[in-house]
C-alpha atoms as a PDB file:
ATOM      1  CA  MET A   1      12.366  10.674 -22.458  1.00  0.00           C
ATOM      2  CA  ALA A   2      15.995  10.658 -23.551  1.00  0.00           C
ATOM      3  CA  GLU A   3      18.019   7.715 -22.319  1.00  0.00           C
ATOM      4  CA  ILE A   4      21.335   7.975 -20.499  1.00  0.00           C
ATOM      5  CA  GLU A   5      24.240   5.738 -21.458  1.00  0.00           C
ATOM      6  CA  ILE A   6      25.152   3.439 -18.594  1.00  0.00           C
ATOM      7  CA  GLY A   7      27.942   1.621 -20.406  1.00  0.00           C
ATOM      8  CA  ILE A   8      28.738   0.029 -23.766  1.00  0.00           C
ATOM      9  CA  GLY A   9      25.504  -1.243 -25.274  1.00  0.00           C
ATOM     10  CA  LYS A  10      23.329  -0.359 -22.272  1.00  0.00           C
ATOM     11  CA  SER A  11      21.311   2.761 -21.514  1.00  0.00           C
ATOM     12  CA  GLY A  12      18.406   3.671 -19.249  1.00  0.00           C
ATOM     13  CA  ARG A  13      15.898   6.356 -18.412  1.00  0.00           C
ATOM     14  CA  ARG A  14      16.326   8.705 -15.440  1.00  0.00           C
ATOM     15  CA  ALA A  15      13.818   7.946 -12.685  1.00  0.00           C
ATOM     16  CA  TYR A  16      12.649  10.338  -9.984  1.00  0.00           C
ATOM     17  CA  GLY A  17      11.551   9.873  -6.406  1.00  0.00           C
ATOM     18  CA  LEU A  18       8.827  11.792  -4.622  1.00  0.00           C
ATOM     19  CA  ASP A  19      11.317  14.180  -3.051  1.00  0.00           C
ATOM     20  CA  GLU A  20      12.711  15.101  -6.459  1.00  0.00           C
ATOM     21  CA  VAL A  21       9.536  16.577  -7.956  1.00  0.00           C
ATOM     22  CA  ALA A  22       7.246  19.429  -6.968  1.00  0.00           C
ATOM     23  CA  ILE A  23       3.857  20.697  -8.164  1.00  0.00           C
ATOM     24  CA  VAL A  24       3.794  24.026  -9.985  1.00  0.00           C
ATOM     25  CA  PRO A  25       0.973  26.362  -8.861  1.00  0.00           C
ATOM     26  CA  SER A  26      -1.263  27.283 -11.791  1.00  0.00           C
ATOM     27  CA  ARG A  27      -2.751  30.592 -12.916  1.00  0.00           C
ATOM     28  CA  ARG A  28      -5.993  29.654 -11.120  1.00  0.00           C
ATOM     29  CA  THR A  29      -6.355  29.059  -7.389  1.00  0.00           C
ATOM     30  CA  ARG A  30      -9.309  27.797  -5.355  1.00  0.00           C
ATOM     31  CA  ASP A  31     -10.715  28.030  -1.886  1.00  0.00           C
ATOM     32  CA  PRO A  32      -9.484  24.929   0.004  1.00  0.00           C
ATOM     33  CA  GLU A  33     -13.028  24.260   1.198  1.00  0.00           C
ATOM     34  CA  ASP A  34     -14.128  23.820  -2.429  1.00  0.00           C
ATOM     35  CA  VAL A  35     -11.630  20.997  -3.011  1.00  0.00           C
ATOM     36  CA  ASP A  36     -13.010  17.440  -3.088  1.00  0.00           C
ATOM     37  CA  LEU A  37     -10.560  14.796  -1.865  1.00  0.00           C
ATOM     38  CA  GLY A  38     -12.929  11.924  -2.620  1.00  0.00           C
ATOM     39  CA  TRP A  39     -12.323   9.187  -5.186  1.00  0.00           C
ATOM     40  CA  GLU A  40     -14.091   6.081  -6.435  1.00  0.00           C
ATOM     41  CA  LEU A  41     -13.015   2.506  -6.969  1.00  0.00           C
ATOM     42  CA  ASP A  42     -15.612   0.484  -8.841  1.00  0.00           C
ATOM     43  CA  ALA A  43     -18.873   1.077  -6.936  1.00  0.00           C
ATOM     44  CA  TYR A  44     -17.185   2.303  -3.762  1.00  0.00           C
ATOM     45  CA  ARG A  45     -16.457   5.905  -2.838  1.00  0.00           C
ATOM     46  CA  PHE A  46     -13.783   6.979  -0.367  1.00  0.00           C
ATOM     47  CA  GLU A  47     -13.626  10.480   1.069  1.00  0.00           C
ATOM     48  CA  ILE A  48      -9.814  10.676   1.144  1.00  0.00           C
ATOM     49  CA  PRO A  49      -7.189   9.105  -1.184  1.00  0.00           C
ATOM     50  CA  VAL A  50      -5.561   6.840   1.394  1.00  0.00           C
ATOM     51  CA  LEU A  51      -5.090   3.071   1.412  1.00  0.00           C
ATOM     52  CA  GLY A  52      -3.845   1.417   4.595  1.00  0.00           C
ATOM     53  CA  THR A  53      -1.041  -0.852   3.409  1.00  0.00           C
ATOM     54  CA  PRO A  54      -1.707  -4.604   3.806  1.00  0.00           C
ATOM     55  CA  CYS A  55       1.037  -5.216   6.374  1.00  0.00           C
ATOM     56  CA  ASP A  56       0.521  -6.718   9.823  1.00  0.00           C
ATOM     57  CA  SER A  57       2.399  -3.819  11.420  1.00  0.00           C
ATOM     58  CA  VAL A  58      -0.003  -1.261   9.920  1.00  0.00           C
ATOM     59  CA  THR A  59      -3.420  -2.731   9.215  1.00  0.00           C
ATOM     60  CA  SER A  60      -5.252  -4.871  11.737  1.00  0.00           C
ATOM     61  CA  PRO A  61      -9.036  -5.399  11.717  1.00  0.00           C
ATOM     62  CA  GLY A  62      -9.219  -2.525  14.209  1.00  0.00           C
ATOM     63  CA  THR A  63      -7.133  -0.064  12.170  1.00  0.00           C
ATOM     64  CA  ALA A  64      -9.004  -1.092   9.001  1.00  0.00           C
ATOM     65  CA  VAL A  65     -12.214  -0.026  10.742  1.00  0.00           C
ATOM     66  CA  ALA A  66     -10.617   3.201  12.007  1.00  0.00           C
ATOM     67  CA  LEU A  67      -9.385   4.097   8.522  1.00  0.00           C
ATOM     68  CA  GLY A  68     -12.803   3.334   7.050  1.00  0.00           C
ATOM     69  CA  GLU A  69     -14.528   5.568   9.568  1.00  0.00           C
ATOM     70  CA  LEU A  70     -12.147   8.398   8.601  1.00  0.00           C
ATOM     71  CA  GLY A  71     -13.002   8.014   4.912  1.00  0.00           C
ATOM     72  CA  ALA A  72     -10.007   5.905   3.853  1.00  0.00           C
ATOM     73  CA  ALA A  73      -9.641   2.183   3.145  1.00  0.00           C
ATOM     74  CA  GLY A  74      -7.643  -0.195   5.300  1.00  0.00           C
ATOM     75  CA  VAL A  75      -6.484  -3.381   3.551  1.00  0.00           C
ATOM     76  CA  LEU A  76      -6.100  -6.501   5.705  1.00  0.00           C
ATOM     77  CA  HIS A  77      -3.645  -9.108   4.402  1.00  0.00           C
ATOM     78  CA  LEU A  78      -5.230 -12.545   4.669  1.00  0.00           C
ATOM     79  CA  GLU A  79      -1.830 -14.262   4.803  1.00  0.00           C
ATOM     80  CA  GLY A  80      -0.588 -12.317   7.797  1.00  0.00           C
ATOM     81  CA  LEU A  81      -0.608 -13.034  11.495  1.00  0.00           C
ATOM     82  CA  TRP A  82      -4.271 -12.060  11.876  1.00  0.00           C
ATOM     83  CA  THR A  83      -5.433 -15.134   9.937  1.00  0.00           C
ATOM     84  CA  ARG A  84      -2.740 -17.521  11.171  1.00  0.00           C
ATOM     85  CA  HIS A  85      -3.004 -16.941  14.911  1.00  0.00           C
ATOM     86  CA  GLU A  86      -6.041 -16.503  17.137  1.00  0.00           C
ATOM     87  CA  ASP A  87      -3.866 -14.500  19.548  1.00  0.00           C
ATOM     88  CA  ALA A  88      -2.404 -12.196  16.862  1.00  0.00           C
ATOM     89  CA  GLU A  89      -2.198  -9.219  19.224  1.00  0.00           C
ATOM     90  CA  GLU A  90      -0.038 -11.203  21.649  1.00  0.00           C
ATOM     91  CA  ARG A  91       2.219 -12.326  18.809  1.00  0.00           C
ATOM     92  CA  LEU A  92       2.637  -8.739  17.638  1.00  0.00           C
ATOM     93  CA  ALA A  93       3.442  -7.657  21.188  1.00  0.00           C
ATOM     94  CA  GLU A  94       6.091 -10.385  21.319  1.00  0.00           C
ATOM     95  CA  LEU A  95       7.632  -9.108  18.096  1.00  0.00           C
ATOM     96  CA  ALA A  96       7.635  -5.549  19.405  1.00  0.00           C
ATOM     97  CA  ASP A  97       9.656  -6.620  22.459  1.00  0.00           C
ATOM     98  CA  LEU A  98      12.388  -8.282  20.422  1.00  0.00           C
ATOM     99  CA  PRO A  99      15.621  -6.331  19.880  1.00  0.00           C
ATOM    100  CA  GLU A 100      16.753  -5.312  16.424  1.00  0.00           C
ATOM    101  CA  GLY A 101      18.650  -7.966  14.498  1.00  0.00           C
ATOM    102  CA  ASP A 102      18.401 -11.459  13.104  1.00  0.00           C
ATOM    103  CA  GLU A 103      16.334 -12.824  16.003  1.00  0.00           C
ATOM    104  CA  ALA A 104      13.355 -10.661  15.043  1.00  0.00           C
ATOM    105  CA  ALA A 105      13.632 -11.694  11.376  1.00  0.00           C
ATOM    106  CA  ARG A 106      13.718 -15.375  12.311  1.00  0.00           C
ATOM    107  CA  ARG A 107      10.729 -15.024  14.624  1.00  0.00           C
ATOM    108  CA  LEU A 108       8.762 -13.248  11.877  1.00  0.00           C
ATOM    109  CA  GLN A 109       9.447 -16.182   9.578  1.00  0.00           C
ATOM    110  CA  ASP A 110       8.500 -18.723  12.267  1.00  0.00           C
ATOM    111  CA  LEU A 111       5.172 -17.037  13.022  1.00  0.00           C
ATOM    112  CA  HIS A 112       4.273 -16.876   9.341  1.00  0.00           C
ATOM    113  CA  GLY A 113       5.053 -20.579   8.999  1.00  0.00           C
ATOM    114  CA  ALA A 114       1.737 -21.411  10.674  1.00  0.00           C
ATOM    115  CA  PRO A 115      -1.112 -22.212   8.223  1.00  0.00           C
ATOM    116  CA  VAL A 116      -3.846 -19.741   7.330  1.00  0.00           C
ATOM    117  CA  VAL A 117      -6.976 -20.684   9.287  1.00  0.00           C
ATOM    118  CA  PRO A 118     -10.197 -20.360   7.216  1.00  0.00           C
ATOM    119  CA  GLU A 119     -12.273 -19.636  10.322  1.00  0.00           C
ATOM    120  CA  LEU A 120     -10.020 -16.707  11.180  1.00  0.00           C
ATOM    121  CA  VAL A 121     -10.373 -15.335   7.631  1.00  0.00           C
ATOM    122  CA  ALA A 122     -14.147 -15.233   8.105  1.00  0.00           C
ATOM    123  CA  GLU A 123     -13.843 -13.848  11.634  1.00  0.00           C
ATOM    124  CA  ARG A 124     -11.503 -10.975  10.711  1.00  0.00           C
ATOM    125  CA  VAL A 125     -13.551  -9.949   7.668  1.00  0.00           C
ATOM    126  CA  ALA A 126     -16.775 -10.100   9.702  1.00  0.00           C
ATOM    127  CA  GLU A 127     -15.202  -7.814  12.319  1.00  0.00           C
ATOM    128  CA  ILE A 128     -14.543  -5.160   9.679  1.00  0.00           C
ATOM    129  CA  ARG A 129     -17.910  -5.555   7.924  1.00  0.00           C
ATOM    130  CA  LYS A 130     -19.769  -5.290  11.224  1.00  0.00           C
ATOM    131  CA  ALA A 131     -18.463  -1.728  11.608  1.00  0.00           C
ATOM    132  CA  GLY A 132     -20.191  -0.729   8.377  1.00  0.00           C
ATOM    133  CA  VAL A 133     -17.046   0.320   6.491  1.00  0.00           C
ATOM    134  CA  THR A 134     -15.799  -0.900   3.111  1.00  0.00           C
ATOM    135  CA  CYS A 135     -13.880  -4.127   3.699  1.00  0.00           C
ATOM    136  CA  ALA A 136     -10.762  -4.654   1.555  1.00  0.00           C
ATOM    137  CA  VAL A 137      -8.517  -7.713   1.877  1.00  0.00           C
ATOM    138  CA  ALA A 138      -5.284  -8.794   0.208  1.00  0.00           C
ATOM    139  CA  VAL A 139      -3.714 -12.070  -0.892  1.00  0.00           C
ATOM    140  CA  SER A 140      -0.552 -12.948  -2.792  1.00  0.00           C
ATOM    141  CA  PRO A 141      -0.743 -14.243  -6.396  1.00  0.00           C
ATOM    142  CA  GLN A 142       0.739 -17.567  -5.279  1.00  0.00           C
ATOM    143  CA  ARG A 143      -2.065 -18.225  -2.761  1.00  0.00           C
ATOM    144  CA  THR A 144      -4.997 -16.611  -4.565  1.00  0.00           C
ATOM    145  CA  GLU A 145      -6.566 -19.794  -5.964  1.00  0.00           C
ATOM    146  CA  ALA A 146      -6.005 -21.696  -2.715  1.00  0.00           C
ATOM    147  CA  LEU A 147      -7.683 -18.983  -0.635  1.00  0.00           C
ATOM    148  CA  VAL A 148     -10.370 -17.747  -3.011  1.00  0.00           C
ATOM    149  CA  GLU A 149     -13.055 -20.083  -1.628  1.00  0.00           C
ATOM    150  CA  HIS A 150     -12.501 -18.779   1.902  1.00  0.00           C
ATOM    151  CA  VAL A 151     -12.323 -15.179   0.663  1.00  0.00           C
ATOM    152  CA  LEU A 152     -15.638 -15.401  -1.191  1.00  0.00           C
ATOM    153  CA  ARG A 153     -17.313 -17.088   1.764  1.00  0.00           C
ATOM    154  CA  ALA A 154     -16.181 -14.234   4.017  1.00  0.00           C
ATOM    155  CA  GLU A 155     -17.720 -11.677   1.579  1.00  0.00           C
ATOM    156  CA  PRO A 156     -15.287  -8.729   1.593  1.00  0.00           C
ATOM    157  CA  ASP A 157     -16.091  -5.736  -0.631  1.00  0.00           C
ATOM    158  CA  LEU A 158     -12.720  -5.521  -2.425  1.00  0.00           C
ATOM    159  CA  LEU A 159      -9.906  -7.981  -3.120  1.00  0.00           C
ATOM    160  CA  MET A 160      -6.303  -6.938  -3.632  1.00  0.00           C
ATOM    161  CA  ILE A 161      -3.860  -9.360  -5.289  1.00  0.00           C
ATOM    162  CA  CYS A 162      -0.497  -7.904  -4.382  1.00  0.00           C
ATOM    163  CA  GLY A 163       3.173  -8.763  -4.398  1.00  0.00           C
ATOM    164  CA  THR A 164       6.523  -7.069  -4.811  1.00  0.00           C
ATOM    165  CA  VAL A 165       5.971  -7.279  -8.575  1.00  0.00           C
ATOM    166  CA  VAL A 166       2.822  -8.727 -10.185  1.00  0.00           C
ATOM    167  CA  SER A 167       2.484  -9.244 -13.935  1.00  0.00           C
ATOM    168  CA  ALA A 168      -0.305 -10.300 -16.253  1.00  0.00           C
ATOM    169  CA  GLU A 169       2.018 -12.870 -17.858  1.00  0.00           C
ATOM    170  CA  HIS A 170       3.694 -14.962 -15.165  1.00  0.00           C
ATOM    171  CA  VAL A 171       5.626 -17.963 -16.540  1.00  0.00           C
ATOM    172  CA  SER A 172       6.369 -21.085 -14.499  1.00  0.00           C
ATOM    173  CA  ARG A 173       7.482 -24.647 -15.281  1.00  0.00           C
ATOM    174  CA  SER A 174       6.619 -26.000 -11.850  1.00  0.00           C
ATOM    175  CA  VAL A 175       3.075 -24.676 -11.201  1.00  0.00           C
ATOM    176  CA  ASP A 176       0.116 -23.383 -13.142  1.00  0.00           C
ATOM    177  CA  PRO A 177       0.382 -19.590 -12.805  1.00  0.00           C
ATOM    178  CA  LEU A 178      -2.613 -17.473 -11.822  1.00  0.00           C
ATOM    179  CA  ASN A 179      -4.429 -16.255 -14.929  1.00  0.00           C
ATOM    180  CA  LEU A 180      -5.490 -12.828 -13.736  1.00  0.00           C
ATOM    181  CA  LYS A 181      -7.817 -12.149 -16.649  1.00  0.00           C
ATOM    182  CA  SER A 182      -9.874 -15.320 -16.250  1.00  0.00           C
ATOM    183  CA  PHE A 183      -9.782 -15.106 -12.447  1.00  0.00           C
ATOM    184  CA  ILE A 184     -11.134 -11.551 -12.383  1.00  0.00           C
ATOM    185  CA  ARG A 185     -13.907 -12.403 -14.840  1.00  0.00           C
ATOM    186  CA  ARG A 186     -15.047 -15.373 -12.763  1.00  0.00           C
ATOM    187  CA  PHE A 187     -16.261 -13.234  -9.891  1.00  0.00           C
ATOM    188  CA  GLU A 188     -18.210 -10.044  -9.306  1.00  0.00           C
ATOM    189  CA  LEU A 189     -15.793  -8.997  -6.572  1.00  0.00           C
ATOM    190  CA  PRO A 190     -13.751  -5.932  -7.664  1.00  0.00           C
ATOM    191  CA  VAL A 191     -10.033  -6.794  -7.809  1.00  0.00           C
ATOM    192  CA  ILE A 192      -6.996  -4.521  -7.423  1.00  0.00           C
ATOM    193  CA  VAL A 193      -3.639  -5.872  -8.672  1.00  0.00           C
ATOM    194  CA  GLY A 194       0.005  -4.844  -8.331  1.00  0.00           C
ATOM    195  CA  GLY A 195       2.704  -3.752  -7.863  1.00  0.00           C
ATOM    196  CA  CYS A 196       4.111  -2.705 -11.155  1.00  0.00           C
ATOM    197  CA  THR A 197       6.618  -0.060 -12.204  1.00  0.00           C
ATOM    198  CA  SER A 198       6.272   0.456 -15.944  1.00  0.00           C
ATOM    199  CA  TYR A 199       3.768   1.685 -18.502  1.00  0.00           C
ATOM    200  CA  GLN A 200       3.560  -1.647 -20.295  1.00  0.00           C
ATOM    201  CA  ALA A 201       3.172  -3.695 -17.126  1.00  0.00           C
ATOM    202  CA  ALA A 202       0.411  -1.377 -15.869  1.00  0.00           C
ATOM    203  CA  LEU A 203      -1.376  -1.447 -19.214  1.00  0.00           C
ATOM    204  CA  HIS A 204      -1.369  -5.254 -19.277  1.00  0.00           C
ATOM    205  CA  LEU A 205      -2.734  -5.384 -15.725  1.00  0.00           C
ATOM    206  CA  MET A 206      -5.506  -2.935 -16.648  1.00  0.00           C
ATOM    207  CA  ARG A 207      -6.488  -5.145 -19.571  1.00  0.00           C
ATOM    208  CA  THR A 208      -7.162  -8.035 -17.196  1.00  0.00           C
ATOM    209  CA  GLY A 209     -10.262  -6.177 -16.052  1.00  0.00           C
ATOM    210  CA  ALA A 210      -8.808  -5.111 -12.714  1.00  0.00           C
ATOM    211  CA  ALA A 211     -10.653  -2.323 -10.920  1.00  0.00           C
ATOM    212  CA  GLY A 212      -7.351  -0.758  -9.875  1.00  0.00           C
ATOM    213  CA  VAL A 213      -3.584  -1.116 -10.307  1.00  0.00           C
ATOM    214  CA  LEU A 214      -0.952  -0.646  -7.599  1.00  0.00           C
ATOM    215  CA  VAL A 215       2.150   1.261  -8.672  1.00  0.00           C
ATOM    216  CA  GLY A 216       5.575   0.961  -7.072  1.00  0.00           C
ATOM    217  CA  ALA A 217       8.180  -1.611  -6.028  1.00  0.00           C
ATOM    218  CA  GLY A 218      11.324  -1.516  -3.955  1.00  0.00           C
ATOM    219  CA  SER A 219      10.875   1.975  -2.507  1.00  0.00           C
ATOM    220  CA  GLY A 220       9.171   1.320   0.836  1.00  0.00           C
ATOM    221  CA  THR A 221      10.687   2.344   4.168  1.00  0.00           C
ATOM    222  CA  ALA A 222      11.083  -1.265   5.316  1.00  0.00           C
ATOM    223  CA  GLY A 223      11.757  -2.764   1.901  1.00  0.00           C
ATOM    224  CA  THR A 224      15.103  -4.211   0.906  1.00  0.00           C
ATOM    225  CA  THR A 225      14.036  -5.419  -2.543  1.00  0.00           C
ATOM    226  CA  ALA A 226      16.289  -2.906  -4.284  1.00  0.00           C
ATOM    227  CA  ASN A 227      19.284  -4.025  -2.232  1.00  0.00           C
ATOM    228  CA  VAL A 228      18.600  -7.779  -2.291  1.00  0.00           C
ATOM    229  CA  LEU A 229      17.320  -8.175  -5.860  1.00  0.00           C
ATOM    230  CA  GLY A 230      18.489  -4.986  -7.543  1.00  0.00           C
ATOM    231  CA  ILE A 231      14.877  -4.238  -8.480  1.00  0.00           C
ATOM    232  CA  GLY A 232      13.073  -0.972  -7.854  1.00  0.00           C
ATOM    233  CA  VAL A 233      11.838   2.238  -9.401  1.00  0.00           C
ATOM    234  CA  PRO A 234      11.648   5.532  -7.454  1.00  0.00           C
ATOM    235  CA  SER A 235       7.977   6.373  -6.898  1.00  0.00           C
ATOM    236  CA  ALA A 236       7.066   9.916  -7.915  1.00  0.00           C
ATOM    237  CA  THR A 237       3.491   8.997  -7.042  1.00  0.00           C
ATOM    238  CA  ALA A 238       1.114  10.331  -4.394  1.00  0.00           C
ATOM    239  CA  ILE A 239       1.279   7.437  -1.932  1.00  0.00           C
ATOM    240  CA  VAL A 240       0.554   8.117   1.698  1.00  0.00           C
ATOM    241  CA  ASP A 241       1.252   5.602   4.471  1.00  0.00           C
ATOM    242  CA  ALA A 242      -0.843   6.681   7.429  1.00  0.00           C
ATOM    243  CA  ARG A 243      -0.531   4.763  10.665  1.00  0.00           C
ATOM    244  CA  ALA A 244      -1.988   5.207  14.095  1.00  0.00           C
ATOM    245  CA  ALA A 245      -0.109   6.181  17.225  1.00  0.00           C
ATOM    246  CA  GLU A 246      -0.816   2.638  18.452  1.00  0.00           C
ATOM    247  CA  ALA A 247      -0.582   0.742  15.173  1.00  0.00           C
ATOM    248  CA  PRO A 248      -0.478  -3.066  15.405  1.00  0.00           C
ATOM    249  CA  GLY A 249       3.306  -3.068  15.014  1.00  0.00           C
ATOM    250  CA  ARG A 250       3.681  -1.025  18.226  1.00  0.00           C
ATOM    251  CA  GLY A 251       6.324   1.275  16.794  1.00  0.00           C
ATOM    252  CA  TRP A 252       7.809  -1.263  14.374  1.00  0.00           C
ATOM    253  CA  HIS A 253       7.059  -1.663  10.679  1.00  0.00           C
ATOM    254  CA  TRP A 254       7.738  -4.476   8.195  1.00  0.00           C
ATOM    255  CA  GLY A 255       6.316  -5.428   4.828  1.00  0.00           C
ATOM    256  CA  MET A 256       4.994  -8.828   3.776  1.00  0.00           C
ATOM    257  CA  PRO A 257       8.181  -9.579   1.745  1.00  0.00           C
ATOM    258  CA  ALA A 258      10.089  -9.497   5.045  1.00  0.00           C
ATOM    259  CA  VAL A 259       8.605 -12.855   6.080  1.00  0.00           C
ATOM    260  CA  HIS A 260       9.811 -14.868   3.053  1.00  0.00           C
ATOM    261  CA  PRO A 261      11.260 -18.113   4.470  1.00  0.00           C
ATOM    262  CA  THR A 262      14.474 -18.134   2.393  1.00  0.00           C
ATOM    263  CA  LEU A 263      14.956 -14.654   0.871  1.00  0.00           C
ATOM    264  CA  PRO A 264      13.428 -11.870   2.964  1.00  0.00           C
ATOM    265  CA  GLY A 265      12.729  -8.768   0.886  1.00  0.00           C
ATOM    266  CA  GLY A 266      12.390  -6.392   3.801  1.00  0.00           C
ATOM    267  CA  ARG A 267      13.452  -5.602   7.325  1.00  0.00           C
ATOM    268  CA  ARG A 268      11.827  -4.585  10.578  1.00  0.00           C
ATOM    269  CA  VAL A 269      12.333  -0.846  11.106  1.00  0.00           C
ATOM    270  CA  ARG A 270      11.516   1.485  13.972  1.00  0.00           C
ATOM    271  CA  THR A 271       8.777   4.056  13.261  1.00  0.00           C
ATOM    272  CA  GLU A 272       8.207   6.445  16.126  1.00  0.00           C
ATOM    273  CA  PRO A 273       4.560   7.509  16.529  1.00  0.00           C
ATOM    274  CA  VAL A 274       3.792  11.083  15.429  1.00  0.00           C
ATOM    275  CA  GLY A 275       0.162  11.225  16.562  1.00  0.00           C
ATOM    276  CA  THR A 276      -3.161   9.460  16.429  1.00  0.00           C
ATOM    277  CA  LEU A 277      -4.513   8.252  13.107  1.00  0.00           C
ATOM    278  CA  ALA A 278      -6.958  11.154  13.005  1.00  0.00           C
ATOM    279  CA  GLU A 279      -4.159  13.647  13.733  1.00  0.00           C
ATOM    280  CA  VAL A 280      -1.913  12.175  11.032  1.00  0.00           C
ATOM    281  CA  LEU A 281      -4.690  12.470   8.471  1.00  0.00           C
ATOM    282  CA  PHE A 282      -6.569  15.590   9.572  1.00  0.00           C
ATOM    283  CA  GLY A 283      -4.485  17.347  12.218  1.00  0.00           C
ATOM    284  CA  PRO A 284      -4.214  19.573  14.062  1.00  0.00           C
ATOM    285  CA  ALA A 285      -0.510  19.951  13.320  1.00  0.00           C
ATOM    286  CA  HIS A 286       1.621  21.815  15.866  1.00  0.00           C
ATOM    287  CA  GLU A 287       4.964  21.394  14.077  1.00  0.00           C
ATOM    288  CA  ALA A 288       6.090  22.303  10.582  1.00  0.00           C
ATOM    289  CA  GLY A 289       7.474  18.887   9.661  1.00  0.00           C
ATOM    290  CA  GLY A 290       4.450  17.838   7.601  1.00  0.00           C
ATOM    291  CA  GLU A 291       3.890  14.606   9.545  1.00  0.00           C
ATOM    292  CA  ARG A 292       0.361  15.532  10.619  1.00  0.00           C
ATOM    293  CA  ASN A 293      -2.708  16.792   8.769  1.00  0.00           C
ATOM    294  CA  LEU A 294      -1.735  15.112   5.498  1.00  0.00           C
ATOM    295  CA  MET A 295      -5.182  15.674   4.024  1.00  0.00           C
ATOM    296  CA  GLY A 296      -5.101  19.342   4.969  1.00  0.00           C
ATOM    297  CA  ALA A 297      -1.780  19.678   3.163  1.00  0.00           C
ATOM    298  CA  LEU A 298      -3.162  17.877   0.101  1.00  0.00           C
ATOM    299  CA  ARG A 299      -6.266  20.072   0.099  1.00  0.00           C
ATOM    300  CA  GLN A 300      -4.111  23.214   0.283  1.00  0.00           C
ATOM    301  CA  ALA A 301      -1.799  21.999  -2.502  1.00  0.00           C
ATOM    302  CA  MET A 302      -4.781  21.292  -4.739  1.00  0.00           C
ATOM    303  CA  ALA A 303      -6.283  24.683  -3.965  1.00  0.00           C
ATOM    304  CA  LEU A 304      -3.065  26.527  -4.829  1.00  0.00           C
ATOM    305  CA  SER A 305      -2.798  24.511  -8.023  1.00  0.00           C
ATOM    306  CA  GLY A 306      -6.376  25.259  -9.025  1.00  0.00           C
ATOM    307  CA  TYR A 307      -7.643  21.675  -9.090  1.00  0.00           C
ATOM    308  CA  ALA A 308     -11.007  20.769  -7.589  1.00  0.00           C
ATOM    309  CA  THR A 309     -10.734  16.960  -7.578  1.00  0.00           C
ATOM    310  CA  VAL A 310      -8.078  14.304  -7.143  1.00  0.00           C
ATOM    311  CA  LYS A 311      -8.694  13.174 -10.712  1.00  0.00           C
ATOM    312  CA  GLU A 312      -8.023  16.685 -12.033  1.00  0.00           C
ATOM    313  CA  LEU A 313      -4.798  16.871 -10.000  1.00  0.00           C
ATOM    314  CA  ARG A 314      -3.220  14.385 -12.423  1.00  0.00           C
ATOM    315  CA  LYS A 315      -2.990  17.271 -14.908  1.00  0.00           C
ATOM    316  CA  ALA A 316      -0.726  19.277 -12.605  1.00  0.00           C
ATOM    317  CA  GLU A 317       2.532  20.582 -14.007  1.00  0.00           C
ATOM    318  CA  LEU A 318       5.619  19.173 -12.296  1.00  0.00           C
ATOM    319  CA  VAL A 319       9.171  20.412 -11.993  1.00  0.00           C
ATOM    320  CA  VAL A 320      12.257  18.394 -11.101  1.00  0.00           C
ATOM    321  CA  VAL A 321      14.165  19.609  -8.048  1.00  0.00           C
ATOM    322  CA  THR A 322      17.463  17.738  -7.962  1.00  0.00           C
ATOM    323  CA  PRO A 323      19.064  17.528  -5.493  1.00  0.00           C
ATOM    324  CA  PRO A 324      15.897  17.430  -3.362  1.00  0.00           C
ATOM    325  CA  CYS A 325      14.896  20.873  -2.139  1.00  0.00           C
ATOM    326  CA  PRO A 326      14.426  21.105   1.667  1.00  0.00           C
ATOM    327  CA  ALA A 327      11.217  23.054   1.087  1.00  0.00           C
ATOM    328  CA  VAL A 328       9.576  20.081  -0.636  1.00  0.00           C
ATOM    329  CA  ASP A 329      11.530  17.192   0.858  1.00  0.00           C
END
């Protein structure tokens, strides 16, 4: 891709967000009922391409189970409120009642200052496994080695090592950095790593032996990474954030970077419910805004483009629509 001159001696590539690209229908179409939305990660199959983000406000043990029963995968963050506080639901209710502003940010930091309780790690994972759905959990790179013993004892199905940006070559003078390649090879547990925003970074993460790579940084609804750090790449990637009408955040959303004790990389934002989790994913939709029946919309788009599987959809032709077209916004 041709680079654009930014100033003397500096140039960069043009990046596109999701609302700036659209899929071009192909010469072949399909019946929507013949489209397969399923995908596989290591030995696990999921019926729809949806991951519940590992944020306290979105994925609780209960919503992880609900997502699993609907064919998706909910990812529980093991450094969130659910593993620090026995009464996590009460703490979340307290946060929901706080007004917007600095008080909520400070309380988020205070609540995440409590230590992770190993017994709660085991209890939360057991709650998800008991429902018979695939259990996925997340940890940060900084705490992976410290928590791995408790994670393995709890026996989740998938482990996600995630942060704002995760690389295969972290350099530090103060601590021994996590060696992703050796860590992943030590265990049979499939590991997903990320986020990353470039070809080279993704390639290096893949070479660690990871079962999956997370793509994206700085573009979330509640994220302020781009504003605070000047880091971020628009994500022209099929990422869906499905949340229930009564998600754990009770109408509020925040990412894990928002709880950093000295440099929060996110904010608490209001997210009005649009329907139940089942309605968001499968409908029925009674309005034309596209906020419900996400999987029905994906199935229809794949059918009109002639692709039978999610893997085949990667071949779809794209066009750039700048400024964003209301029809595809």
